[in-house]
Amino acid sequence: MPRLSVRGRRGAGAQAGPDEETRAHVAGAASAAAAEVAAPAIAEPDLAAAAFFDVDNTMMMGASLFWFARGLAARKYLSSRDIARFAWQQAKFRIAGNESADDMHTIRENALAFVAGREVSEIAQAGEEIYDELMADRIWSGTRALAQKHLDAGQRVWLVTATPVELASIIAQRLGLTGALGTVSEIVDGRYTGRLVGELMHGPAKAEAVLALAEREGLDLSRCTAYSDSANDLPMLSLTGTAVAVNPDTELRAVARARGWTIRDYRIGRKAARVGVPTVAAAALSGGLVGGAVALRRRNKLPFYS
């Protein structure tokens, strides 16, 4: 299958540079290579078709990495200084509402700094506990039912998310899905270095990962379906024969209507897209600076939360 060049969303008229496209391709290939089949074999599989689900606000209420960071903080993996820096980087990005080269470089370089030096097995165990404690009850039942329909039809179902692939795989396993494509971090001697392999699994990198997986697994993308809540995922949504907007942001809702895509909204109210409490001050009182960063969510997602 020829590799399709995909570009992320930027300001009007802006295009991704060759270095960014290379990182997205490397990240996508690395994510596909790291993906492992977690679900048991299906009796009558449809091997040419599959479904791809975004996680944050699509499969799960809110941001998986927020809950992961909150769980790590409760286990004293993060200091107050770490949490403040983590929150500030994300709040700055959300307030700016764009993806400048400097911002993306900072995010890319610091995306997994809070687990640098930790053993992979240690973080994986913590991730399983944190999923059970903080994430399991936040799965959208409607989206989970959509995934189950694909499984019942003999199709494989993959999560595609910017969250670390180890955590994404735990979520997939807990939900009985096939596997996950997520951000791949560099590992040396069984420990995280804090650096990424290629790019965050965001925007064009998600599309590259799906392309690489489709080539590896022999999928016919025209028979596949992609699900997301964000216009940031248009590169992935545009790859498959069927695209579904789930709990869509304003821009994706408009695109979905224009292209005749199905829209599924499982939120109680139309303004329920934001996660957390309305203000940074209130969030600081009820959950700390990380909660405040999430409360600043604007229309454009931070790459962590895609």
C-alpha atoms as a PDB file:
ATOM      1  CA  MET A   1       0.000   0.000   0.000  1.00  0.00           C
ATOM      2  CA  PRO A   2       1.577   3.374  -0.947  1.00  0.00           C
ATOM      3  CA  ARG A   3       2.206   5.721   1.943  1.00  0.00           C
ATOM      4  CA  LEU A   4      -0.179   8.639   2.005  1.00  0.00           C
ATOM      5  CA  SER A   5       1.250  12.012   2.963  1.00  0.00           C
ATOM      6  CA  VAL A   6      -0.838  13.522   5.727  1.00  0.00           C
ATOM      7  CA  ARG A   7      -0.612  16.918   7.314  1.00  0.00           C
ATOM      8  CA  GLY A   8      -1.767  18.169  10.670  1.00  0.00           C
ATOM      9  CA  ARG A   9      -4.021  21.135  11.324  1.00  0.00           C
ATOM     10  CA  ARG A  10      -2.322  24.505  11.650  1.00  0.00           C
ATOM     11  CA  GLY A  11      -3.268  28.119  11.157  1.00  0.00           C
ATOM     12  CA  ALA A  12      -4.901  29.205   7.935  1.00  0.00           C
ATOM     13  CA  GLY A  13      -2.653  28.576   4.982  1.00  0.00           C
ATOM     14  CA  ALA A  14       0.097  26.932   7.056  1.00  0.00           C
ATOM     15  CA  GLN A  15       1.580  23.604   6.082  1.00  0.00           C
ATOM     16  CA  ALA A  16       3.564  21.009   7.960  1.00  0.00           C
ATOM     17  CA  GLY A  17       7.279  21.042   7.218  1.00  0.00           C
ATOM     18  CA  PRO A  18       9.284  18.044   6.018  1.00  0.00           C
ATOM     19  CA  ASP A  19      10.813  17.462   9.465  1.00  0.00           C
ATOM     20  CA  GLU A  20       7.383  17.341  11.051  1.00  0.00           C
ATOM     21  CA  GLU A  21       6.100  14.937   8.390  1.00  0.00           C
ATOM     22  CA  THR A  22       9.138  12.726   8.970  1.00  0.00           C
ATOM     23  CA  ARG A  23       8.532  12.668  12.726  1.00  0.00           C
ATOM     24  CA  ALA A  24       4.855  11.876  12.169  1.00  0.00           C
ATOM     25  CA  HIS A  25       5.799   9.010   9.858  1.00  0.00           C
ATOM     26  CA  VAL A  26       8.368   7.671  12.338  1.00  0.00           C
ATOM     27  CA  ALA A  27       5.849   7.939  15.179  1.00  0.00           C
ATOM     28  CA  GLY A  28       3.159   6.179  13.153  1.00  0.00           C
ATOM     29  CA  ALA A  29       5.466   3.360  12.128  1.00  0.00           C
ATOM     30  CA  ALA A  30       6.715   2.943  15.692  1.00  0.00           C
ATOM     31  CA  SER A  31       3.182   2.868  17.067  1.00  0.00           C
ATOM     32  CA  ALA A  32       2.063   0.256  14.540  1.00  0.00           C
ATOM     33  CA  ALA A  33       5.135  -1.839  15.294  1.00  0.00           C
ATOM     34  CA  ALA A  34       4.417  -1.636  19.038  1.00  0.00           C
ATOM     35  CA  ALA A  35       0.768  -2.618  18.631  1.00  0.00           C
ATOM     36  CA  GLU A  36      -0.033  -6.100  19.862  1.00  0.00           C
ATOM     37  CA  VAL A  37      -3.260  -8.057  19.511  1.00  0.00           C
ATOM     38  CA  ALA A  38      -4.815  -8.254  22.967  1.00  0.00           C
ATOM     39  CA  ALA A  39      -8.248  -9.723  22.328  1.00  0.00           C
ATOM     40  CA  PRO A  40      -8.939 -13.435  21.785  1.00  0.00           C
ATOM     41  CA  ALA A  41      -9.402 -14.679  18.245  1.00  0.00           C
ATOM     42  CA  ILE A  42     -12.848 -14.223  16.708  1.00  0.00           C
ATOM     43  CA  ALA A  43     -14.632 -17.320  15.415  1.00  0.00           C
ATOM     44  CA  GLU A  44     -15.462 -15.845  12.008  1.00  0.00           C
ATOM     45  CA  PRO A  45     -13.113 -12.905  11.536  1.00  0.00           C
ATOM     46  CA  ASP A  46     -13.500 -10.252   8.886  1.00  0.00           C
ATOM     47  CA  LEU A  47      -9.784  -9.691   8.420  1.00  0.00           C
ATOM     48  CA  ALA A  48     -10.026  -6.891   5.869  1.00  0.00           C
ATOM     49  CA  ALA A  49     -12.134  -4.532   8.005  1.00  0.00           C
ATOM     50  CA  ALA A  50     -11.406  -2.782  11.297  1.00  0.00           C
ATOM     51  CA  ALA A  51     -12.498   0.162  13.438  1.00  0.00           C
ATOM     52  CA  PHE A  52     -10.272   2.882  14.883  1.00  0.00           C
ATOM     53  CA  PHE A  53     -11.375   4.817  17.959  1.00  0.00           C
ATOM     54  CA  ASP A  54      -9.871   7.957  19.430  1.00  0.00           C
ATOM     55  CA  VAL A  55      -9.851   7.776  23.242  1.00  0.00           C
ATOM     56  CA  ASP A  56     -10.160  11.180  24.923  1.00  0.00           C
ATOM     57  CA  ASN A  57     -13.756  12.447  24.847  1.00  0.00           C
ATOM     58  CA  THR A  58     -14.564   9.752  22.274  1.00  0.00           C
ATOM     59  CA  MET A  59     -14.190   6.471  24.167  1.00  0.00           C
ATOM     60  CA  MET A  60     -13.584   8.074  27.567  1.00  0.00           C
ATOM     61  CA  MET A  61     -15.003  11.122  29.321  1.00  0.00           C
ATOM     62  CA  GLY A  62     -12.136  13.571  29.542  1.00  0.00           C
ATOM     63  CA  ALA A  63      -8.431  13.085  28.988  1.00  0.00           C
ATOM     64  CA  SER A  64      -6.800   9.752  29.754  1.00  0.00           C
ATOM     65  CA  LEU A  65      -3.415  11.345  30.419  1.00  0.00           C
ATOM     66  CA  PHE A  66      -4.982  13.723  32.948  1.00  0.00           C
ATOM     67  CA  TRP A  67      -6.353  10.791  34.939  1.00  0.00           C
ATOM     68  CA  PHE A  68      -3.044   8.976  34.542  1.00  0.00           C
ATOM     69  CA  ALA A  69      -1.109  11.988  35.858  1.00  0.00           C
ATOM     70  CA  ARG A  70      -3.579  12.389  38.708  1.00  0.00           C
ATOM     71  CA  GLY A  71      -3.104   8.750  39.671  1.00  0.00           C
ATOM     72  CA  LEU A  72       0.673   9.088  39.519  1.00  0.00           C
ATOM     73  CA  ALA A  73       0.504  12.212  41.665  1.00  0.00           C
ATOM     74  CA  ALA A  74      -1.497  10.309  44.287  1.00  0.00           C
ATOM     75  CA  ARG A  75       1.304   7.734  44.306  1.00  0.00           C
ATOM     76  CA  LYS A  76       3.930  10.465  44.776  1.00  0.00           C
ATOM     77  CA  TYR A  77       5.457   9.906  41.331  1.00  0.00           C
ATOM     78  CA  LEU A  78       5.076  13.613  40.649  1.00  0.00           C
ATOM     79  CA  SER A  79       6.123  16.532  42.807  1.00  0.00           C
ATOM     80  CA  SER A  80       4.137  19.743  43.145  1.00  0.00           C
ATOM     81  CA  ARG A  81       6.693  21.372  40.860  1.00  0.00           C
ATOM     82  CA  ASP A  82       6.194  18.627  38.236  1.00  0.00           C
ATOM     83  CA  ILE A  83       2.420  19.050  38.370  1.00  0.00           C
ATOM     84  CA  ALA A  84       2.677  22.833  38.082  1.00  0.00           C
ATOM     85  CA  ARG A  85       5.006  22.583  35.068  1.00  0.00           C
ATOM     86  CA  PHE A  86       2.788  19.926  33.471  1.00  0.00           C
ATOM     87  CA  ALA A  87      -0.291  22.118  33.982  1.00  0.00           C
ATOM     88  CA  TRP A  88       1.362  25.314  32.761  1.00  0.00           C
ATOM     89  CA  GLN A  89       2.600  23.802  29.517  1.00  0.00           C
ATOM     90  CA  GLN A  90      -0.866  22.543  28.670  1.00  0.00           C
ATOM     91  CA  ALA A  91      -2.691  25.678  29.839  1.00  0.00           C
ATOM     92  CA  LYS A  92      -0.377  27.875  27.744  1.00  0.00           C
ATOM     93  CA  PHE A  93      -1.030  25.756  24.687  1.00  0.00           C
ATOM     94  CA  ARG A  94      -4.795  25.743  25.150  1.00  0.00           C
ATOM     95  CA  ILE A  95      -5.007  29.474  25.747  1.00  0.00           C
ATOM     96  CA  ALA A  96      -2.898  30.179  22.657  1.00  0.00           C
ATOM     97  CA  GLY A  97      -5.144  27.939  20.582  1.00  0.00           C
ATOM     98  CA  ASN A  98      -2.446  27.185  18.008  1.00  0.00           C
ATOM     99  CA  GLU A  99       0.457  24.855  17.408  1.00  0.00           C
ATOM    100  CA  SER A 100       3.605  26.921  16.917  1.00  0.00           C
ATOM    101  CA  ALA A 101       6.888  25.193  16.189  1.00  0.00           C
ATOM    102  CA  ASP A 102       8.280  26.267  19.565  1.00  0.00           C
ATOM    103  CA  ASP A 103       5.228  24.992  21.436  1.00  0.00           C
ATOM    104  CA  MET A 104       5.285  21.656  19.643  1.00  0.00           C
ATOM    105  CA  HIS A 105       9.016  21.290  20.323  1.00  0.00           C
ATOM    106  CA  THR A 106       8.479  21.939  24.040  1.00  0.00           C
ATOM    107  CA  ILE A 107       5.556  19.539  24.234  1.00  0.00           C
ATOM    108  CA  ARG A 108       7.428  16.876  22.312  1.00  0.00           C
ATOM    109  CA  GLU A 109      10.554  17.164  24.454  1.00  0.00           C
ATOM    110  CA  ASN A 110       8.647  17.138  27.754  1.00  0.00           C
ATOM    111  CA  ALA A 111       5.740  14.816  26.938  1.00  0.00           C
ATOM    112  CA  LEU A 112       7.027  11.903  29.034  1.00  0.00           C
ATOM    113  CA  ALA A 113       9.550  13.663  31.232  1.00  0.00           C
ATOM    114  CA  PHE A 114       7.575  12.761  34.340  1.00  0.00           C
ATOM    115  CA  VAL A 115       8.343   9.040  33.863  1.00  0.00           C
ATOM    116  CA  ALA A 116      11.977   9.453  32.796  1.00  0.00           C
ATOM    117  CA  GLY A 117      14.170   6.938  34.582  1.00  0.00           C
ATOM    118  CA  ARG A 118      11.249   4.794  35.737  1.00  0.00           C
ATOM    119  CA  GLU A 119      11.034   1.112  34.914  1.00  0.00           C
ATOM    120  CA  VAL A 120       8.477   0.247  32.239  1.00  0.00           C
ATOM    121  CA  SER A 121       7.039  -2.565  34.367  1.00  0.00           C
ATOM    122  CA  GLU A 122       6.558  -0.180  37.298  1.00  0.00           C
ATOM    123  CA  ILE A 123       4.619   2.361  35.245  1.00  0.00           C
ATOM    124  CA  ALA A 124       2.579  -0.387  33.569  1.00  0.00           C
ATOM    125  CA  GLN A 125       1.489  -1.744  36.948  1.00  0.00           C
ATOM    126  CA  ALA A 126       0.553   1.742  38.103  1.00  0.00           C
ATOM    127  CA  GLY A 127      -1.366   2.260  34.859  1.00  0.00           C
ATOM    128  CA  GLU A 128      -3.502  -0.833  35.480  1.00  0.00           C
ATOM    129  CA  GLU A 129      -4.354   0.349  38.988  1.00  0.00           C
ATOM    130  CA  ILE A 130      -5.093   3.893  37.818  1.00  0.00           C
ATOM    131  CA  TYR A 131      -7.389   2.636  35.048  1.00  0.00           C
ATOM    132  CA  ASP A 132      -9.435   0.636  37.548  1.00  0.00           C
ATOM    133  CA  GLU A 133      -9.543   3.512  40.034  1.00  0.00           C
ATOM    134  CA  LEU A 134     -10.119   6.546  37.834  1.00  0.00           C
ATOM    135  CA  MET A 135     -10.920   5.574  34.236  1.00  0.00           C
ATOM    136  CA  ALA A 136     -13.186   2.529  34.166  1.00  0.00           C
ATOM    137  CA  ASP A 137     -16.282   4.469  35.227  1.00  0.00           C
ATOM    138  CA  ARG A 138     -15.600   7.179  32.646  1.00  0.00           C
ATOM    139  CA  ILE A 139     -15.980   5.039  29.529  1.00  0.00           C
ATOM    140  CA  TRP A 140     -18.833   6.230  27.333  1.00  0.00           C
ATOM    141  CA  SER A 141     -21.265   3.306  27.218  1.00  0.00           C
ATOM    142  CA  GLY A 142     -22.549   4.427  23.816  1.00  0.00           C
ATOM    143  CA  THR A 143     -19.093   4.436  22.272  1.00  0.00           C
ATOM    144  CA  ARG A 144     -18.240   1.116  23.902  1.00  0.00           C
ATOM    145  CA  ALA A 145     -21.393  -0.329  22.320  1.00  0.00           C
ATOM    146  CA  LEU A 146     -20.243   0.920  18.903  1.00  0.00           C
ATOM    147  CA  ALA A 147     -16.936  -0.862  19.374  1.00  0.00           C
ATOM    148  CA  GLN A 148     -18.718  -4.036  20.411  1.00  0.00           C
ATOM    149  CA  LYS A 149     -20.775  -4.002  17.205  1.00  0.00           C
ATOM    150  CA  HIS A 150     -17.560  -4.140  15.202  1.00  0.00           C
ATOM    151  CA  LEU A 151     -16.236  -6.977  17.354  1.00  0.00           C
ATOM    152  CA  ASP A 152     -19.511  -8.878  16.959  1.00  0.00           C
ATOM    153  CA  ALA A 153     -19.146  -8.463  13.184  1.00  0.00           C
ATOM    154  CA  GLY A 154     -15.751 -10.156  13.358  1.00  0.00           C
ATOM    155  CA  GLN A 155     -13.788  -6.955  12.890  1.00  0.00           C
ATOM    156  CA  ARG A 156     -10.758  -5.861  14.861  1.00  0.00           C
ATOM    157  CA  VAL A 157     -11.019  -2.704  16.961  1.00  0.00           C
ATOM    158  CA  TRP A 158      -8.049  -0.465  17.715  1.00  0.00           C
ATOM    159  CA  LEU A 159      -7.677   2.563  19.941  1.00  0.00           C
ATOM    160  CA  VAL A 160      -5.659   5.391  18.352  1.00  0.00           C
ATOM    161  CA  THR A 161      -4.533   7.963  20.880  1.00  0.00           C
ATOM    162  CA  ALA A 162      -1.824  10.415  21.913  1.00  0.00           C
ATOM    163  CA  THR A 163      -1.642   8.805  25.338  1.00  0.00           C
ATOM    164  CA  PRO A 164       1.390   6.521  25.915  1.00  0.00           C
ATOM    165  CA  VAL A 165       0.976   3.217  24.119  1.00  0.00           C
ATOM    166  CA  GLU A 166       1.420   1.268  27.358  1.00  0.00           C
ATOM    167  CA  LEU A 167      -1.569   3.014  28.959  1.00  0.00           C
ATOM    168  CA  ALA A 168      -3.550   2.822  25.708  1.00  0.00           C
ATOM    169  CA  SER A 169      -2.934  -0.938  25.616  1.00  0.00           C
ATOM    170  CA  ILE A 170      -4.228  -1.297  29.171  1.00  0.00           C
ATOM    171  CA  ILE A 171      -7.427   0.529  28.213  1.00  0.00           C
ATOM    172  CA  ALA A 172      -7.835  -1.698  25.151  1.00  0.00           C
ATOM    173  CA  GLN A 173      -7.286  -4.844  27.202  1.00  0.00           C
ATOM    174  CA  ARG A 174      -9.770  -3.790  29.858  1.00  0.00           C
ATOM    175  CA  LEU A 175     -12.386  -3.104  27.163  1.00  0.00           C
ATOM    176  CA  GLY A 176     -11.724  -6.373  25.334  1.00  0.00           C
ATOM    177  CA  LEU A 177     -10.538  -4.605  22.194  1.00  0.00           C
ATOM    178  CA  THR A 178      -7.898  -5.802  19.753  1.00  0.00           C
ATOM    179  CA  GLY A 179      -5.126  -3.399  20.674  1.00  0.00           C
ATOM    180  CA  ALA A 180      -3.957   0.201  20.675  1.00  0.00           C
ATOM    181  CA  LEU A 181      -1.873   2.658  18.710  1.00  0.00           C
ATOM    182  CA  GLY A 182      -0.379   5.297  21.007  1.00  0.00           C
ATOM    183  CA  THR A 183       2.581   7.555  21.594  1.00  0.00           C
ATOM    184  CA  VAL A 184       5.771   5.494  21.731  1.00  0.00           C
ATOM    185  CA  SER A 185       8.471   6.491  24.186  1.00  0.00           C
ATOM    186  CA  GLU A 186      12.128   5.599  24.031  1.00  0.00           C
ATOM    187  CA  ILE A 187      13.138   2.770  26.360  1.00  0.00           C
ATOM    188  CA  VAL A 188      16.701   1.863  27.283  1.00  0.00           C
ATOM    189  CA  ASP A 189      17.479  -1.103  29.536  1.00  0.00           C
ATOM    190  CA  GLY A 190      13.849  -1.415  30.569  1.00  0.00           C
ATOM    191  CA  ARG A 191      13.535   2.237  31.635  1.00  0.00           C
ATOM    192  CA  TYR A 192      11.956   5.272  30.027  1.00  0.00           C
ATOM    193  CA  THR A 193      14.375   7.941  28.839  1.00  0.00           C
ATOM    194  CA  GLY A 194      11.669  10.623  28.751  1.00  0.00           C
ATOM    195  CA  ARG A 195      12.063  11.061  24.993  1.00  0.00           C
ATOM    196  CA  LEU A 196       9.606  10.156  22.253  1.00  0.00           C
ATOM    197  CA  VAL A 197      10.115   7.978  19.196  1.00  0.00           C
ATOM    198  CA  GLY A 198       9.286  10.358  16.377  1.00  0.00           C
ATOM    199  CA  GLU A 199       6.244  12.488  17.218  1.00  0.00           C
ATOM    200  CA  LEU A 200       3.275  12.562  19.555  1.00  0.00           C
ATOM    201  CA  MET A 201       0.470  10.331  18.268  1.00  0.00           C
ATOM    202  CA  HIS A 202      -1.533  13.355  17.188  1.00  0.00           C
ATOM    203  CA  GLY A 203      -3.074  14.614  13.957  1.00  0.00           C
ATOM    204  CA  PRO A 204      -1.035  13.343  10.999  1.00  0.00           C
ATOM    205  CA  ALA A 205       0.854  10.831  13.158  1.00  0.00           C
ATOM    206  CA  LYS A 206      -2.426   9.024  13.883  1.00  0.00           C
ATOM    207  CA  ALA A 207      -3.093   8.697  10.167  1.00  0.00           C
ATOM    208  CA  GLU A 208       0.442   7.422   9.590  1.00  0.00           C
ATOM    209  CA  ALA A 209      -0.032   4.820  12.340  1.00  0.00           C
ATOM    210  CA  VAL A 210      -3.302   3.621  10.815  1.00  0.00           C
ATOM    211  CA  LEU A 211      -1.666   3.417   7.385  1.00  0.00           C
ATOM    212  CA  ALA A 212       1.259   1.408   8.763  1.00  0.00           C
ATOM    213  CA  LEU A 213      -1.048  -0.940  10.669  1.00  0.00           C
ATOM    214  CA  ALA A 214      -3.288  -1.400   7.628  1.00  0.00           C
ATOM    215  CA  GLU A 215      -0.284  -2.388   5.554  1.00  0.00           C
ATOM    216  CA  ARG A 216       0.958  -4.790   8.224  1.00  0.00           C
ATOM    217  CA  GLU A 217      -2.446  -6.384   8.831  1.00  0.00           C
ATOM    218  CA  GLY A 218      -3.725  -6.369   5.239  1.00  0.00           C
ATOM    219  CA  LEU A 219      -6.661  -4.073   5.969  1.00  0.00           C
ATOM    220  CA  ASP A 220      -8.818  -2.530   3.273  1.00  0.00           C
ATOM    221  CA  LEU A 221      -9.190   1.023   4.557  1.00  0.00           C
ATOM    222  CA  SER A 222     -12.229   1.592   2.353  1.00  0.00           C
ATOM    223  CA  ARG A 223     -13.999  -1.012   4.542  1.00  0.00           C
ATOM    224  CA  CYS A 224     -12.749   0.458   7.813  1.00  0.00           C
ATOM    225  CA  THR A 225     -14.375   2.975  10.165  1.00  0.00           C
ATOM    226  CA  ALA A 226     -12.806   5.758  12.234  1.00  0.00           C
ATOM    227  CA  TYR A 227     -14.321   7.511  15.250  1.00  0.00           C
ATOM    228  CA  SER A 228     -13.246  10.768  16.906  1.00  0.00           C
ATOM    229  CA  ASP A 229     -14.497  13.866  18.704  1.00  0.00           C
ATOM    230  CA  SER A 230     -11.932  16.304  17.327  1.00  0.00           C
ATOM    231  CA  ALA A 231     -11.198  18.050  14.054  1.00  0.00           C
ATOM    232  CA  ASN A 232      -7.540  17.414  14.889  1.00  0.00           C
ATOM    233  CA  ASP A 233      -8.232  13.828  13.810  1.00  0.00           C
ATOM    234  CA  LEU A 234      -9.455  14.707  10.311  1.00  0.00           C
ATOM    235  CA  PRO A 235      -6.328  13.085   8.783  1.00  0.00           C
ATOM    236  CA  MET A 236      -7.349   9.748  10.339  1.00  0.00           C
ATOM    237  CA  LEU A 237     -11.067  10.192   9.730  1.00  0.00           C
ATOM    238  CA  SER A 238     -10.422  10.955   6.070  1.00  0.00           C
ATOM    239  CA  LEU A 239      -8.470   7.729   5.549  1.00  0.00           C
ATOM    240  CA  THR A 240     -11.296   5.282   6.128  1.00  0.00           C
ATOM    241  CA  GLY A 241     -14.342   4.472   4.080  1.00  0.00           C
ATOM    242  CA  THR A 242     -16.605   5.468   6.977  1.00  0.00           C
ATOM    243  CA  ALA A 243     -16.047   8.255   9.513  1.00  0.00           C
ATOM    244  CA  VAL A 244     -18.148   8.923  12.607  1.00  0.00           C
ATOM    245  CA  ALA A 245     -18.028  12.059  14.744  1.00  0.00           C
ATOM    246  CA  VAL A 246     -18.534  11.149  18.412  1.00  0.00           C
ATOM    247  CA  ASN A 247     -19.204  13.979  20.890  1.00  0.00           C
ATOM    248  CA  PRO A 248     -17.753  16.303  18.233  1.00  0.00           C
ATOM    249  CA  ASP A 249     -16.203  19.691  18.768  1.00  0.00           C
ATOM    250  CA  THR A 250     -17.694  22.597  16.817  1.00  0.00           C
ATOM    251  CA  GLU A 251     -15.355  22.289  13.856  1.00  0.00           C
ATOM    252  CA  LEU A 252     -15.701  18.535  13.474  1.00  0.00           C
ATOM    253  CA  ARG A 253     -19.486  18.785  13.751  1.00  0.00           C
ATOM    254  CA  ALA A 254     -19.495  21.251  10.846  1.00  0.00           C
ATOM    255  CA  VAL A 255     -17.197  19.058   8.741  1.00  0.00           C
ATOM    256  CA  ALA A 256     -19.257  15.947   9.532  1.00  0.00           C
ATOM    257  CA  ARG A 257     -22.450  17.660   8.442  1.00  0.00           C
ATOM    258  CA  ALA A 258     -20.836  18.927   5.255  1.00  0.00           C
ATOM    259  CA  ARG A 259     -19.487  15.481   4.364  1.00  0.00           C
ATOM    260  CA  GLY A 260     -22.542  13.521   5.440  1.00  0.00           C
ATOM    261  CA  TRP A 261     -20.775  11.670   8.250  1.00  0.00           C
ATOM    262  CA  THR A 262     -22.759  10.142  11.089  1.00  0.00           C
ATOM    263  CA  ILE A 263     -22.739  12.138  14.329  1.00  0.00           C
ATOM    264  CA  ARG A 264     -23.121  10.461  17.724  1.00  0.00           C
ATOM    265  CA  ASP A 265     -23.359  12.670  20.815  1.00  0.00           C
ATOM    266  CA  TYR A 266     -23.499  10.926  24.185  1.00  0.00           C
ATOM    267  CA  ARG A 267     -23.035  14.035  26.301  1.00  0.00           C
ATOM    268  CA  ILE A 268     -25.856  15.234  28.508  1.00  0.00           C
ATOM    269  CA  GLY A 269     -25.678  18.764  27.126  1.00  0.00           C
ATOM    270  CA  ARG A 270     -24.290  20.366  23.992  1.00  0.00           C
ATOM    271  CA  LYS A 271     -21.870  22.403  26.081  1.00  0.00           C
ATOM    272  CA  ALA A 272     -20.444  19.396  27.922  1.00  0.00           C
ATOM    273  CA  ALA A 273     -17.291  19.218  25.812  1.00  0.00           C
ATOM    274  CA  ARG A 274     -15.115  20.796  28.476  1.00  0.00           C
ATOM    275  CA  VAL A 275     -13.630  18.519  31.111  1.00  0.00           C
ATOM    276  CA  GLY A 276     -13.314  19.585  34.726  1.00  0.00           C
ATOM    277  CA  VAL A 277     -14.576  22.744  36.379  1.00  0.00           C
ATOM    278  CA  PRO A 278     -15.069  26.180  34.778  1.00  0.00           C
ATOM    279  CA  THR A 279     -12.119  28.122  36.160  1.00  0.00           C
ATOM    280  CA  VAL A 280      -8.539  27.591  37.158  1.00  0.00           C
ATOM    281  CA  ALA A 281      -9.287  28.948  40.627  1.00  0.00           C
ATOM    282  CA  ALA A 282     -12.115  26.492  41.209  1.00  0.00           C
ATOM    283  CA  ALA A 283     -10.041  23.644  39.834  1.00  0.00           C
ATOM    284  CA  ALA A 284      -7.161  24.522  42.125  1.00  0.00           C
ATOM    285  CA  LEU A 285      -9.516  24.264  45.082  1.00  0.00           C
ATOM    286  CA  SER A 286     -11.064  20.986  43.979  1.00  0.00           C
ATOM    287  CA  GLY A 287      -8.286  19.117  42.272  1.00  0.00           C
ATOM    288  CA  GLY A 288      -5.066  21.048  41.786  1.00  0.00           C
ATOM    289  CA  LEU A 289      -3.261  22.617  38.889  1.00  0.00           C
ATOM    290  CA  VAL A 290      -3.613  19.611  36.592  1.00  0.00           C
ATOM    291  CA  GLY A 291      -7.372  19.903  36.869  1.00  0.00           C
ATOM    292  CA  GLY A 292      -7.026  23.602  36.133  1.00  0.00           C
ATOM    293  CA  ALA A 293      -5.160  22.883  32.924  1.00  0.00           C
ATOM    294  CA  VAL A 294      -7.899  20.560  31.747  1.00  0.00           C
ATOM    295  CA  ALA A 295     -10.545  23.123  32.673  1.00  0.00           C
ATOM    296  CA  LEU A 296      -8.912  25.539  30.208  1.00  0.00           C
ATOM    297  CA  ARG A 297      -9.778  23.248  27.311  1.00  0.00           C
ATOM    298  CA  ARG A 298     -10.537  25.206  24.160  1.00  0.00           C
ATOM    299  CA  ARG A 299     -11.914  24.030  20.856  1.00  0.00           C
ATOM    300  CA  ASN A 300      -8.479  22.811  19.713  1.00  0.00           C
ATOM    301  CA  LYS A 301      -7.124  19.856  21.631  1.00  0.00           C
ATOM    302  CA  LEU A 302      -3.692  19.780  23.108  1.00  0.00           C
ATOM    303  CA  PRO A 303      -1.861  16.872  21.475  1.00  0.00           C
ATOM    304  CA  PHE A 304      -1.699  15.080  24.825  1.00  0.00           C
ATOM    305  CA  TYR A 305      -5.483  14.830  24.775  1.00  0.00           C
ATOM    306  CA  SER A 306      -6.268  13.460  21.372  1.00  0.00           C
END
